[in-house]
């Protein structure tokens, strides 16, 4: 008779769980998202960012890459394809996409550099934290981190697509919200990292 694990999925008593292969559809989507980033940036900079057509292309590539983030995580959870590679590569792919968009828009003069600096400092800091505590355990993306990514995607989309001037107040408001959530979730990740390191050292001392 099958029991159920904490997530409600059936689990066979005494059955050994086969290791999840690193090469799976979820991880492939993550890698595809990383590969889209340079293509997106090329489209963004065509004609100095003044081409309406290429800004639309850049926006569509950005949204496409963002959509893969939604589906690779969904597929990984639904089909049991969660791997340590995916836990690390997925947030790195997000940072490459978001960071590229922020830097690109700042280079074009459409987004203040101080906003980009805050975002990049937070993302670089979280990446370093992940590697700092990796011997104690993998620190996956939290719900707050996913919410931050969604808000950033929406805000950046308003800046990337060639929208009429009357939309500017909405774009600015969305970007302000994105910055606030970015900072708050960054603090939360620091707390998680310290807790993970503390628990890991505690377990090591008991061995």
N, C-alpha and C. Protein backbone atom coordinates (compact mmCIF):
# COMPACT_ATOMS: atom_id res chain seq x y z
N UNK A 1 0.86 -1.20 0.00
CA UNK A 1 0.00 0.00 0.00
C UNK A 1 0.88 1.24 0.00
N UNK A 2 0.52 2.24 -0.76
CA UNK A 2 1.35 3.44 -0.87
C UNK A 2 1.00 4.44 0.22
N UNK A 3 2.01 4.97 0.86
CA UNK A 3 1.84 6.07 1.80
C UNK A 3 1.93 7.37 1.01
N UNK A 4 1.78 8.48 1.71
CA UNK A 4 1.94 9.77 1.06
C UNK A 4 2.99 10.57 1.79
N UNK A 5 3.81 11.30 1.02
CA UNK A 5 4.81 12.14 1.66
C UNK A 5 4.17 13.46 2.06
N UNK A 6 4.96 14.41 2.56
CA UNK A 6 4.43 15.67 3.06
C UNK A 6 3.73 16.48 1.99
N UNK A 7 4.09 16.28 0.72
CA UNK A 7 3.48 17.04 -0.37
C UNK A 7 2.21 16.38 -0.89
N UNK A 8 1.87 15.21 -0.35
CA UNK A 8 0.66 14.53 -0.77
C UNK A 8 0.86 13.57 -1.90
N UNK A 9 2.11 13.44 -2.41
CA UNK A 9 2.37 12.51 -3.51
C UNK A 9 2.52 11.10 -2.96
N UNK A 10 2.06 10.09 -3.69
CA UNK A 10 2.21 8.72 -3.23
C UNK A 10 3.68 8.35 -3.09
N UNK A 11 3.97 7.57 -2.08
CA UNK A 11 5.34 7.13 -1.86
C UNK A 11 5.32 5.66 -1.48
N UNK A 12 6.02 4.83 -2.22
CA UNK A 12 6.02 3.41 -1.96
C UNK A 12 6.89 3.09 -0.75
N UNK A 13 6.34 2.29 0.15
CA UNK A 13 7.07 1.88 1.34
C UNK A 13 8.25 1.03 0.94
N UNK A 14 9.43 1.42 1.38
CA UNK A 14 10.62 0.61 1.14
C UNK A 14 11.19 0.75 -0.25
N UNK A 15 10.54 1.54 -1.10
CA UNK A 15 11.03 1.69 -2.47
C UNK A 15 12.17 2.68 -2.49
N UNK A 16 13.25 2.35 -3.16
CA UNK A 16 14.38 3.25 -3.26
C UNK A 16 14.12 4.24 -4.38
N UNK A 17 14.41 5.51 -4.11
CA UNK A 17 14.15 6.55 -5.09
C UNK A 17 15.34 6.70 -6.01
N UNK A 18 15.10 6.57 -7.30
CA UNK A 18 16.18 6.69 -8.27
C UNK A 18 16.66 8.13 -8.32
N UNK A 19 17.95 8.35 -8.51
CA UNK A 19 18.47 9.72 -8.59
C UNK A 19 17.91 10.44 -9.81
N UNK A 20 17.64 11.72 -9.66
CA UNK A 20 17.10 12.51 -10.75
C UNK A 20 18.24 12.92 -11.68
N UNK A 21 18.13 12.62 -12.99
CA UNK A 21 19.20 12.99 -13.93
C UNK A 21 19.31 14.50 -14.06
N UNK A 22 20.53 14.99 -14.17
CA UNK A 22 20.74 16.43 -14.33
C UNK A 22 20.18 16.90 -15.67
N UNK A 23 20.32 16.06 -16.71
CA UNK A 23 19.81 16.40 -18.04
C UNK A 23 18.32 16.05 -18.09
N UNK A 24 17.48 17.02 -17.77
CA UNK A 24 16.04 16.82 -17.85
C UNK A 24 15.41 18.10 -18.41
N UNK A 25 14.12 18.03 -18.73
CA UNK A 25 13.46 19.13 -19.44
C UNK A 25 13.49 20.42 -18.63
N UNK A 26 13.38 20.32 -17.32
CA UNK A 26 13.38 21.53 -16.48
C UNK A 26 14.73 22.23 -16.56
N UNK A 27 15.81 21.46 -16.44
CA UNK A 27 17.15 22.06 -16.51
C UNK A 27 17.46 22.58 -17.90
N UNK A 28 16.95 21.89 -18.94
CA UNK A 28 17.16 22.36 -20.31
C UNK A 28 16.51 23.74 -20.50
N UNK A 29 15.31 23.91 -19.97
CA UNK A 29 14.64 25.21 -20.06
C UNK A 29 15.44 26.29 -19.34
N UNK A 30 16.03 25.92 -18.23
CA UNK A 30 16.86 26.88 -17.49
C UNK A 30 18.05 27.32 -18.33
N UNK A 31 18.71 26.36 -18.98
CA UNK A 31 19.86 26.67 -19.82
C UNK A 31 19.42 27.51 -21.02
N UNK A 32 18.26 27.19 -21.61
CA UNK A 32 17.74 27.97 -22.74
C UNK A 32 17.54 29.42 -22.32
N UNK A 33 17.03 29.62 -21.10
CA UNK A 33 16.83 30.98 -20.60
C UNK A 33 18.14 31.75 -20.54
N UNK A 34 19.19 31.07 -20.13
CA UNK A 34 20.51 31.71 -20.07
C UNK A 34 20.97 32.09 -21.48
N UNK A 35 20.72 31.21 -22.46
CA UNK A 35 21.17 31.45 -23.83
C UNK A 35 20.38 32.58 -24.51
N UNK A 36 19.15 32.81 -24.06
CA UNK A 36 18.34 33.87 -24.65
C UNK A 36 18.88 35.25 -24.27
N UNK A 37 19.53 35.34 -23.11
CA UNK A 37 19.97 36.64 -22.58
C UNK A 37 20.81 37.44 -23.58
N UNK A 38 21.89 36.88 -24.16
CA UNK A 38 22.67 37.70 -25.10
C UNK A 38 21.90 38.10 -26.35
N UNK A 39 20.99 37.24 -26.81
CA UNK A 39 20.18 37.57 -27.99
C UNK A 39 19.25 38.74 -27.65
N UNK A 40 18.68 38.69 -26.47
CA UNK A 40 17.81 39.78 -25.99
C UNK A 40 18.57 41.11 -25.94
N UNK A 41 19.80 41.07 -25.44
CA UNK A 41 20.59 42.30 -25.32
C UNK A 41 20.95 42.88 -26.69
N UNK A 42 21.26 42.01 -27.65
CA UNK A 42 21.56 42.48 -29.00
C UNK A 42 20.34 43.20 -29.58
N UNK A 43 19.17 42.61 -29.42
CA UNK A 43 17.94 43.23 -29.93
C UNK A 43 17.67 44.56 -29.24
N UNK A 44 17.97 44.63 -27.94
CA UNK A 44 17.71 45.85 -27.16
C UNK A 44 18.57 47.02 -27.65
N UNK A 45 19.80 46.72 -28.10
CA UNK A 45 20.74 47.78 -28.46
C UNK A 45 20.75 48.14 -29.95
N UNK A 46 19.94 47.46 -30.75
CA UNK A 46 19.89 47.80 -32.18
C UNK A 46 19.49 49.27 -32.35
N UNK A 47 20.24 50.00 -33.17
CA UNK A 47 19.98 51.43 -33.42
C UNK A 47 19.98 52.24 -32.12
N UNK A 48 20.85 51.85 -31.18
CA UNK A 48 20.94 52.58 -29.93
C UNK A 48 19.68 52.51 -29.09
N UNK A 49 18.91 51.45 -29.29
CA UNK A 49 17.68 51.28 -28.53
C UNK A 49 16.52 52.10 -29.05
N UNK A 50 16.68 52.74 -30.22
CA UNK A 50 15.64 53.63 -30.75
C UNK A 50 14.72 52.96 -31.76
N UNK A 51 15.03 51.72 -32.15
CA UNK A 51 14.19 51.03 -33.13
C UNK A 51 12.95 50.43 -32.46
N UNK A 52 11.80 50.91 -32.88
CA UNK A 52 10.55 50.41 -32.31
C UNK A 52 10.40 48.90 -32.53
N UNK A 53 10.71 48.46 -33.74
CA UNK A 53 10.57 47.04 -34.07
C UNK A 53 11.48 46.19 -33.19
N UNK A 54 12.73 46.59 -33.07
CA UNK A 54 13.67 45.78 -32.29
C UNK A 54 13.42 45.87 -30.79
N UNK A 55 12.84 46.97 -30.35
CA UNK A 55 12.46 47.03 -28.93
C UNK A 55 11.31 46.06 -28.65
N UNK A 56 10.42 45.91 -29.61
CA UNK A 56 9.35 44.92 -29.46
C UNK A 56 9.94 43.51 -29.45
N UNK A 57 10.90 43.26 -30.36
CA UNK A 57 11.57 41.96 -30.39
C UNK A 57 12.27 41.70 -29.06
N UNK A 58 12.98 42.70 -28.55
CA UNK A 58 13.67 42.56 -27.26
C UNK A 58 12.67 42.27 -26.15
N UNK A 59 11.53 42.97 -26.18
CA UNK A 59 10.51 42.74 -25.16
C UNK A 59 9.95 41.33 -25.22
N UNK A 60 9.70 40.85 -26.43
CA UNK A 60 9.17 39.50 -26.59
C UNK A 60 10.17 38.44 -26.14
N UNK A 61 11.46 38.65 -26.45
CA UNK A 61 12.49 37.72 -25.99
C UNK A 61 12.59 37.73 -24.47
N UNK A 62 12.48 38.91 -23.90
CA UNK A 62 12.53 39.03 -22.45
C UNK A 62 11.37 38.28 -21.80
N UNK A 63 10.17 38.48 -22.33
CA UNK A 63 8.99 37.78 -21.80
C UNK A 63 9.11 36.27 -21.99
N UNK A 64 9.61 35.85 -23.17
CA UNK A 64 9.80 34.43 -23.43
C UNK A 64 10.74 33.80 -22.41
N UNK A 65 11.84 34.47 -22.15
CA UNK A 65 12.79 33.96 -21.17
C UNK A 65 12.15 33.91 -19.78
N UNK A 66 11.37 34.91 -19.46
CA UNK A 66 10.70 34.95 -18.17
C UNK A 66 9.69 33.80 -18.03
N UNK A 67 8.99 33.49 -19.13
CA UNK A 67 8.00 32.40 -19.11
C UNK A 67 8.68 31.06 -18.85
N UNK A 68 9.89 30.86 -19.40
CA UNK A 68 10.59 29.60 -19.16
C UNK A 68 10.88 29.42 -17.67
N UNK A 69 11.06 30.54 -16.96
CA UNK A 69 11.29 30.45 -15.52
C UNK A 69 10.07 29.88 -14.82
N UNK A 70 8.90 30.28 -15.27
CA UNK A 70 7.66 29.77 -14.67
C UNK A 70 7.50 28.27 -14.92
N UNK A 71 7.83 27.84 -16.15
CA UNK A 71 7.57 26.45 -16.51
C UNK A 71 8.65 25.49 -16.06
N UNK A 72 9.92 25.93 -16.00
CA UNK A 72 10.93 24.97 -15.56
C UNK A 72 10.73 24.61 -14.10
N UNK A 73 10.35 25.60 -13.29
CA UNK A 73 10.08 25.31 -11.89
C UNK A 73 8.85 24.43 -11.72
N UNK A 74 7.81 24.72 -12.50
CA UNK A 74 6.57 23.92 -12.43
C UNK A 74 6.83 22.47 -12.83
N UNK A 75 7.55 22.28 -13.92
CA UNK A 75 7.86 20.92 -14.38
C UNK A 75 8.73 20.17 -13.39
N UNK A 76 9.69 20.88 -12.82
CA UNK A 76 10.58 20.24 -11.85
C UNK A 76 9.81 19.72 -10.65
N UNK A 77 8.88 20.54 -10.15
CA UNK A 77 8.10 20.13 -8.97
C UNK A 77 7.07 19.05 -9.33
N UNK A 78 6.40 19.20 -10.48
CA UNK A 78 5.33 18.27 -10.85
C UNK A 78 5.86 16.88 -11.15
N UNK A 79 7.01 16.80 -11.82
CA UNK A 79 7.54 15.50 -12.25
C UNK A 79 8.74 15.03 -11.43
N UNK A 80 8.97 15.68 -10.31
CA UNK A 80 10.06 15.24 -9.45
C UNK A 80 11.43 15.38 -10.10
N UNK A 81 11.65 16.49 -10.81
CA UNK A 81 12.90 16.70 -11.53
C UNK A 81 13.81 17.71 -10.83
N UNK A 82 13.57 17.90 -9.56
CA UNK A 82 14.36 18.88 -8.80
C UNK A 82 15.77 18.32 -8.56
N UNK A 83 16.77 19.08 -8.96
CA UNK A 83 18.16 18.69 -8.77
C UNK A 83 18.92 19.85 -8.12
N UNK A 84 20.07 19.54 -7.53
CA UNK A 84 20.89 20.59 -6.96
C UNK A 84 21.35 21.56 -8.05
N UNK A 85 21.61 21.02 -9.26
CA UNK A 85 21.99 21.88 -10.38
C UNK A 85 20.88 22.88 -10.67
N UNK A 86 19.65 22.40 -10.70
CA UNK A 86 18.52 23.27 -10.98
C UNK A 86 18.32 24.32 -9.91
N UNK A 87 18.52 23.93 -8.65
CA UNK A 87 18.36 24.88 -7.54
C UNK A 87 19.36 26.02 -7.64
N UNK A 88 20.53 25.72 -8.15
CA UNK A 88 21.57 26.74 -8.28
C UNK A 88 21.45 27.48 -9.61
N UNK A 89 21.26 26.72 -10.72
CA UNK A 89 21.23 27.33 -12.05
C UNK A 89 20.01 28.21 -12.28
N UNK A 90 18.87 27.83 -11.70
CA UNK A 90 17.65 28.59 -11.92
C UNK A 90 17.78 30.03 -11.42
N UNK A 91 18.19 30.25 -10.17
CA UNK A 91 18.36 31.65 -9.74
C UNK A 91 19.47 32.37 -10.49
N UNK A 92 20.51 31.64 -10.92
CA UNK A 92 21.58 32.28 -11.70
C UNK A 92 21.03 32.74 -13.05
N UNK A 93 20.17 31.91 -13.67
CA UNK A 93 19.54 32.29 -14.94
C UNK A 93 18.68 33.53 -14.76
N UNK A 94 17.95 33.58 -13.64
CA UNK A 94 17.13 34.76 -13.35
C UNK A 94 18.00 36.00 -13.23
N UNK A 95 19.12 35.86 -12.52
CA UNK A 95 20.01 37.00 -12.31
C UNK A 95 20.62 37.48 -13.62
N UNK A 96 20.97 36.53 -14.50
CA UNK A 96 21.54 36.91 -15.80
C UNK A 96 20.52 37.69 -16.62
N UNK A 97 19.28 37.23 -16.63
CA UNK A 97 18.23 37.90 -17.39
C UNK A 97 17.91 39.27 -16.80
N UNK A 98 17.66 39.31 -15.50
CA UNK A 98 17.32 40.56 -14.84
C UNK A 98 18.48 41.54 -14.89
N UNK A 99 19.68 41.05 -14.56
CA UNK A 99 20.85 41.91 -14.56
C UNK A 99 21.13 42.48 -15.93
N UNK A 100 21.02 41.65 -16.96
CA UNK A 100 21.24 42.12 -18.33
C UNK A 100 20.25 43.21 -18.71
N UNK A 101 18.99 43.03 -18.31
CA UNK A 101 17.96 44.02 -18.63
C UNK A 101 18.22 45.33 -17.89
N UNK A 102 18.53 45.25 -16.60
CA UNK A 102 18.79 46.47 -15.82
C UNK A 102 20.00 47.23 -16.38
N UNK A 103 21.09 46.51 -16.63
CA UNK A 103 22.30 47.16 -17.15
C UNK A 103 22.05 47.74 -18.53
N UNK A 104 21.37 46.98 -19.38
CA UNK A 104 21.09 47.46 -20.73
C UNK A 104 20.28 48.74 -20.73
N UNK A 105 19.23 48.78 -19.90
CA UNK A 105 18.39 49.98 -19.85
C UNK A 105 19.15 51.17 -19.26
N UNK A 106 20.05 50.90 -18.31
CA UNK A 106 20.84 51.99 -17.74
C UNK A 106 21.84 52.53 -18.75
N UNK A 107 22.45 51.63 -19.54
CA UNK A 107 23.38 52.08 -20.58
C UNK A 107 22.65 52.95 -21.60
N UNK A 108 21.40 52.60 -21.90
CA UNK A 108 20.61 53.39 -22.85
C UNK A 108 20.09 54.68 -22.23
N UNK A 109 20.32 54.86 -20.93
CA UNK A 109 19.89 56.08 -20.26
C UNK A 109 18.42 56.11 -19.90
N UNK A 110 17.77 54.94 -19.89
CA UNK A 110 16.34 54.88 -19.63
C UNK A 110 16.01 54.45 -18.20
N UNK A 111 17.06 54.09 -17.45
CA UNK A 111 16.87 53.68 -16.07
C UNK A 111 18.07 54.18 -15.26
N UNK A 112 17.80 54.78 -14.11
CA UNK A 112 18.88 55.34 -13.30
C UNK A 112 19.86 54.26 -12.85
N UNK A 113 21.14 54.61 -12.89
CA UNK A 113 22.16 53.64 -12.50
C UNK A 113 22.07 53.25 -11.04
N UNK A 114 21.56 54.12 -10.17
CA UNK A 114 21.48 53.76 -8.75
C UNK A 114 20.50 52.62 -8.54
N UNK A 115 19.45 52.56 -9.36
CA UNK A 115 18.51 51.44 -9.27
C UNK A 115 19.20 50.15 -9.68
N UNK A 116 19.91 50.20 -10.79
CA UNK A 116 20.64 49.02 -11.26
C UNK A 116 21.69 48.58 -10.25
N UNK A 117 22.37 49.56 -9.62
CA UNK A 117 23.40 49.24 -8.63
C UNK A 117 22.81 48.50 -7.44
N UNK A 118 21.66 48.95 -6.95
CA UNK A 118 21.01 48.28 -5.82
C UNK A 118 20.65 46.84 -6.17
N UNK A 119 20.06 46.66 -7.35
CA UNK A 119 19.63 45.33 -7.78
C UNK A 119 20.84 44.41 -7.94
N UNK A 120 21.89 44.89 -8.61
CA UNK A 120 23.06 44.06 -8.85
C UNK A 120 23.79 43.72 -7.56
N UNK A 121 23.87 44.68 -6.65
CA UNK A 121 24.50 44.43 -5.36
C UNK A 121 23.76 43.34 -4.60
N UNK A 122 22.45 43.40 -4.64
CA UNK A 122 21.62 42.39 -3.96
C UNK A 122 21.82 41.02 -4.61
N UNK A 123 21.76 40.97 -5.95
CA UNK A 123 21.84 39.69 -6.64
C UNK A 123 23.23 39.07 -6.48
N UNK A 124 24.28 39.88 -6.60
CA UNK A 124 25.63 39.36 -6.41
C UNK A 124 25.83 38.88 -4.98
N UNK A 125 25.29 39.63 -4.04
CA UNK A 125 25.42 39.25 -2.64
C UNK A 125 24.74 37.91 -2.35
N UNK A 126 23.54 37.71 -2.91
CA UNK A 126 22.81 36.46 -2.68
C UNK A 126 23.55 35.29 -3.33
N UNK A 127 24.11 35.51 -4.52
CA UNK A 127 24.88 34.45 -5.18
C UNK A 127 26.08 34.05 -4.34
N UNK A 128 26.79 35.03 -3.81
CA UNK A 128 27.94 34.73 -2.95
C UNK A 128 27.49 34.01 -1.68
N UNK A 129 26.34 34.40 -1.15
CA UNK A 129 25.81 33.73 0.04
C UNK A 129 25.53 32.26 -0.24
N UNK A 130 24.98 31.97 -1.42
CA UNK A 130 24.68 30.58 -1.78
C UNK A 130 25.95 29.73 -1.76
N UNK A 131 27.02 30.27 -2.33
CA UNK A 131 28.27 29.52 -2.36
C UNK A 131 28.93 29.47 -0.98
N UNK A 132 28.68 30.47 -0.17
CA UNK A 132 29.25 30.52 1.18
C UNK A 132 28.68 29.40 2.05
N UNK A 133 27.39 29.10 1.85
CA UNK A 133 26.74 28.09 2.70
C UNK A 133 26.53 26.77 1.99
N UNK A 134 27.06 26.61 0.75
CA UNK A 134 26.72 25.43 -0.05
C UNK A 134 27.19 24.14 0.61
N UNK A 135 28.27 24.17 1.39
CA UNK A 135 28.72 22.94 2.06
C UNK A 135 27.81 22.56 3.22
N UNK A 136 26.96 23.48 3.63
CA UNK A 136 25.99 23.18 4.68
C UNK A 136 24.62 22.81 4.09
N UNK A 137 24.41 23.12 2.82
CA UNK A 137 23.15 22.83 2.16
C UNK A 137 22.87 23.83 1.05
N UNK A 138 21.99 23.46 0.14
CA UNK A 138 21.63 24.34 -0.97
C UNK A 138 20.51 25.27 -0.53
N UNK A 139 20.67 26.54 -0.81
CA UNK A 139 19.66 27.53 -0.45
C UNK A 139 18.82 27.84 -1.69
N UNK A 140 17.65 27.21 -1.84
CA UNK A 140 16.83 27.40 -3.04
C UNK A 140 16.14 28.76 -3.03
N UNK A 141 15.57 29.12 -4.18
CA UNK A 141 14.83 30.38 -4.28
C UNK A 141 13.59 30.31 -3.38
N UNK A 142 13.38 31.36 -2.61
CA UNK A 142 12.24 31.40 -1.70
C UNK A 142 11.01 31.97 -2.42
N UNK A 143 9.87 31.93 -1.73
CA UNK A 143 8.66 32.51 -2.32
C UNK A 143 8.83 34.01 -2.49
N UNK A 144 9.48 34.63 -1.52
CA UNK A 144 9.73 36.06 -1.62
C UNK A 144 10.62 36.38 -2.80
N UNK A 145 11.62 35.52 -3.05
CA UNK A 145 12.51 35.71 -4.19
C UNK A 145 11.76 35.58 -5.50
N UNK A 146 10.84 34.63 -5.57
CA UNK A 146 10.03 34.46 -6.79
C UNK A 146 9.11 35.67 -7.00
N UNK A 147 8.54 36.18 -5.91
CA UNK A 147 7.69 37.37 -6.01
C UNK A 147 8.51 38.55 -6.52
N UNK A 148 9.71 38.69 -6.01
CA UNK A 148 10.62 39.75 -6.45
C UNK A 148 10.87 39.66 -7.95
N UNK A 149 11.11 38.43 -8.42
CA UNK A 149 11.38 38.22 -9.84
C UNK A 149 10.18 38.62 -10.69
N UNK A 150 8.98 38.26 -10.26
CA UNK A 150 7.76 38.59 -11.01
C UNK A 150 7.59 40.11 -11.11
N UNK A 151 7.77 40.80 -9.98
CA UNK A 151 7.60 42.26 -9.99
C UNK A 151 8.65 42.91 -10.87
N UNK A 152 9.89 42.42 -10.80
CA UNK A 152 10.94 42.95 -11.65
C UNK A 152 10.62 42.73 -13.13
N UNK A 153 10.12 41.55 -13.46
CA UNK A 153 9.78 41.24 -14.85
C UNK A 153 8.73 42.21 -15.38
N UNK A 154 7.69 42.43 -14.59
CA UNK A 154 6.62 43.34 -15.02
C UNK A 154 7.17 44.76 -15.18
N UNK A 155 7.93 45.22 -14.18
CA UNK A 155 8.48 46.58 -14.23
C UNK A 155 9.42 46.76 -15.41
N UNK A 156 10.31 45.79 -15.62
CA UNK A 156 11.25 45.88 -16.73
C UNK A 156 10.55 45.83 -18.08
N UNK A 157 9.50 45.04 -18.17
CA UNK A 157 8.75 44.95 -19.42
C UNK A 157 8.18 46.31 -19.82
N UNK A 158 7.73 47.08 -18.83
CA UNK A 158 7.20 48.41 -19.11
C UNK A 158 8.28 49.34 -19.66
N UNK A 159 9.53 49.10 -19.23
CA UNK A 159 10.63 49.94 -19.71
C UNK A 159 11.19 49.44 -21.05
N UNK A 160 11.12 48.14 -21.28
CA UNK A 160 11.70 47.58 -22.51
C UNK A 160 10.80 47.81 -23.72
N UNK A 161 9.51 47.55 -23.59
CA UNK A 161 8.61 47.75 -24.73
C UNK A 161 8.45 49.25 -25.01
N UNK A 162 8.33 49.63 -26.28
CA UNK A 162 8.16 51.04 -26.66
C UNK A 162 6.72 51.51 -26.38
N UNK A 163 6.48 51.92 -25.15
CA UNK A 163 5.13 52.32 -24.75
C UNK A 163 4.97 53.84 -24.81
N UNK A 164 3.74 54.33 -24.93
CA UNK A 164 3.51 55.78 -24.99
C UNK A 164 3.87 56.48 -23.69
N UNK A 165 4.12 57.77 -23.75
CA UNK A 165 4.58 58.54 -22.60
C UNK A 165 3.63 58.55 -21.42
N UNK A 166 2.32 58.44 -21.67
CA UNK A 166 1.38 58.51 -20.55
C UNK A 166 1.50 57.30 -19.61
N UNK A 167 2.23 56.26 -20.04
CA UNK A 167 2.41 55.06 -19.21
C UNK A 167 3.57 55.25 -18.22
N UNK A 168 4.37 56.31 -18.40
CA UNK A 168 5.57 56.51 -17.57
C UNK A 168 5.29 56.47 -16.06
N UNK A 169 4.24 57.14 -15.55
CA UNK A 169 3.99 57.06 -14.10
C UNK A 169 3.77 55.63 -13.60
N UNK A 170 3.11 54.82 -14.42
CA UNK A 170 2.89 53.42 -14.04
C UNK A 170 4.22 52.67 -14.03
N UNK A 171 5.05 52.91 -15.04
CA UNK A 171 6.36 52.26 -15.12
C UNK A 171 7.21 52.61 -13.91
N UNK A 172 7.23 53.89 -13.54
CA UNK A 172 8.03 54.34 -12.40
C UNK A 172 7.54 53.72 -11.10
N UNK A 173 6.22 53.65 -10.93
CA UNK A 173 5.64 53.06 -9.72
C UNK A 173 6.01 51.58 -9.61
N UNK A 174 5.90 50.87 -10.71
CA UNK A 174 6.24 49.44 -10.72
C UNK A 174 7.72 49.24 -10.39
N UNK A 175 8.58 50.09 -10.95
CA UNK A 175 10.01 49.95 -10.68
C UNK A 175 10.32 50.26 -9.22
N UNK A 176 9.64 51.24 -8.63
CA UNK A 176 9.84 51.55 -7.22
C UNK A 176 9.46 50.36 -6.35
N UNK A 177 8.34 49.71 -6.69
CA UNK A 177 7.91 48.52 -5.96
C UNK A 177 8.93 47.40 -6.11
N UNK A 178 9.49 47.25 -7.31
CA UNK A 178 10.48 46.21 -7.56
C UNK A 178 11.72 46.42 -6.70
N UNK A 179 12.16 47.67 -6.58
CA UNK A 179 13.35 47.98 -5.78
C UNK A 179 13.10 47.66 -4.30
N UNK A 180 11.93 48.05 -3.81
CA UNK A 180 11.60 47.80 -2.40
C UNK A 180 11.59 46.30 -2.10
N UNK A 181 10.91 45.52 -2.94
CA UNK A 181 10.83 44.08 -2.73
C UNK A 181 12.21 43.44 -2.87
N UNK A 182 13.02 43.96 -3.77
CA UNK A 182 14.38 43.44 -3.96
C UNK A 182 15.19 43.57 -2.68
N UNK A 183 15.11 44.72 -2.04
CA UNK A 183 15.87 44.96 -0.81
C UNK A 183 15.34 44.10 0.34
N UNK A 184 14.02 44.06 0.50
CA UNK A 184 13.41 43.30 1.60
C UNK A 184 13.73 41.81 1.49
N UNK A 185 13.58 41.25 0.30
CA UNK A 185 13.86 39.82 0.13
C UNK A 185 15.35 39.53 0.26
N UNK A 186 16.18 40.51 -0.08
CA UNK A 186 17.62 40.33 0.10
C UNK A 186 17.97 40.15 1.56
N UNK A 187 17.37 40.94 2.41
CA UNK A 187 17.58 40.81 3.86
C UNK A 187 17.11 39.44 4.34
N UNK A 188 15.97 38.98 3.80
CA UNK A 188 15.44 37.67 4.19
C UNK A 188 16.40 36.55 3.81
N UNK A 189 17.04 36.64 2.64
CA UNK A 189 18.01 35.63 2.22
C UNK A 189 19.22 35.61 3.14
N UNK A 190 19.65 36.77 3.61
CA UNK A 190 20.78 36.82 4.54
C UNK A 190 20.44 36.06 5.81
N UNK A 191 19.23 36.26 6.30
CA UNK A 191 18.77 35.55 7.50
C UNK A 191 18.75 34.04 7.26
N UNK A 192 18.24 33.63 6.08
CA UNK A 192 18.21 32.21 5.73
C UNK A 192 19.61 31.61 5.70
N UNK A 193 20.53 32.34 5.08
CA UNK A 193 21.90 31.85 4.95
C UNK A 193 22.56 31.66 6.31
N UNK A 194 22.37 32.64 7.19
CA UNK A 194 22.95 32.55 8.53
C UNK A 194 22.35 31.38 9.30
N UNK A 195 21.05 31.17 9.14
CA UNK A 195 20.39 30.05 9.82
C UNK A 195 20.88 28.71 9.28
N UNK A 196 21.02 28.61 7.95
CA UNK A 196 21.49 27.38 7.33
C UNK A 196 22.91 27.06 7.77
N UNK A 197 23.76 28.06 7.81
CA UNK A 197 25.14 27.85 8.23
C UNK A 197 25.21 27.45 9.69
N UNK A 198 24.39 28.08 10.51
CA UNK A 198 24.37 27.74 11.94
C UNK A 198 23.91 26.30 12.14
N UNK A 199 22.83 25.90 11.44
CA UNK A 199 22.34 24.53 11.59
C UNK A 199 23.35 23.51 11.05
N UNK A 200 24.02 23.87 9.94
CA UNK A 200 25.01 22.96 9.37
C UNK A 200 26.18 22.76 10.31
N UNK A 201 26.66 23.82 10.92
CA UNK A 201 27.76 23.71 11.86
C UNK A 201 27.36 22.94 13.10
N UNK A 202 26.09 23.11 13.49
CA UNK A 202 25.59 22.39 14.66
C UNK A 202 25.55 20.89 14.39
N UNK A 203 25.08 20.50 13.18
CA UNK A 203 25.05 19.08 12.84
C UNK A 203 26.46 18.50 12.76
N UNK A 204 27.39 19.30 12.22
CA UNK A 204 28.77 18.82 12.07
C UNK A 204 29.42 18.59 13.44
N UNK A 205 29.08 19.41 14.40
CA UNK A 205 29.67 19.28 15.73
C UNK A 205 29.14 18.07 16.49
N UNK A 206 27.98 17.56 16.03
CA UNK A 206 27.38 16.41 16.70
C UNK A 206 27.85 15.08 16.13
N UNK A 207 28.57 15.13 15.00
CA UNK A 207 29.07 13.90 14.37
C UNK A 207 30.25 13.36 15.16
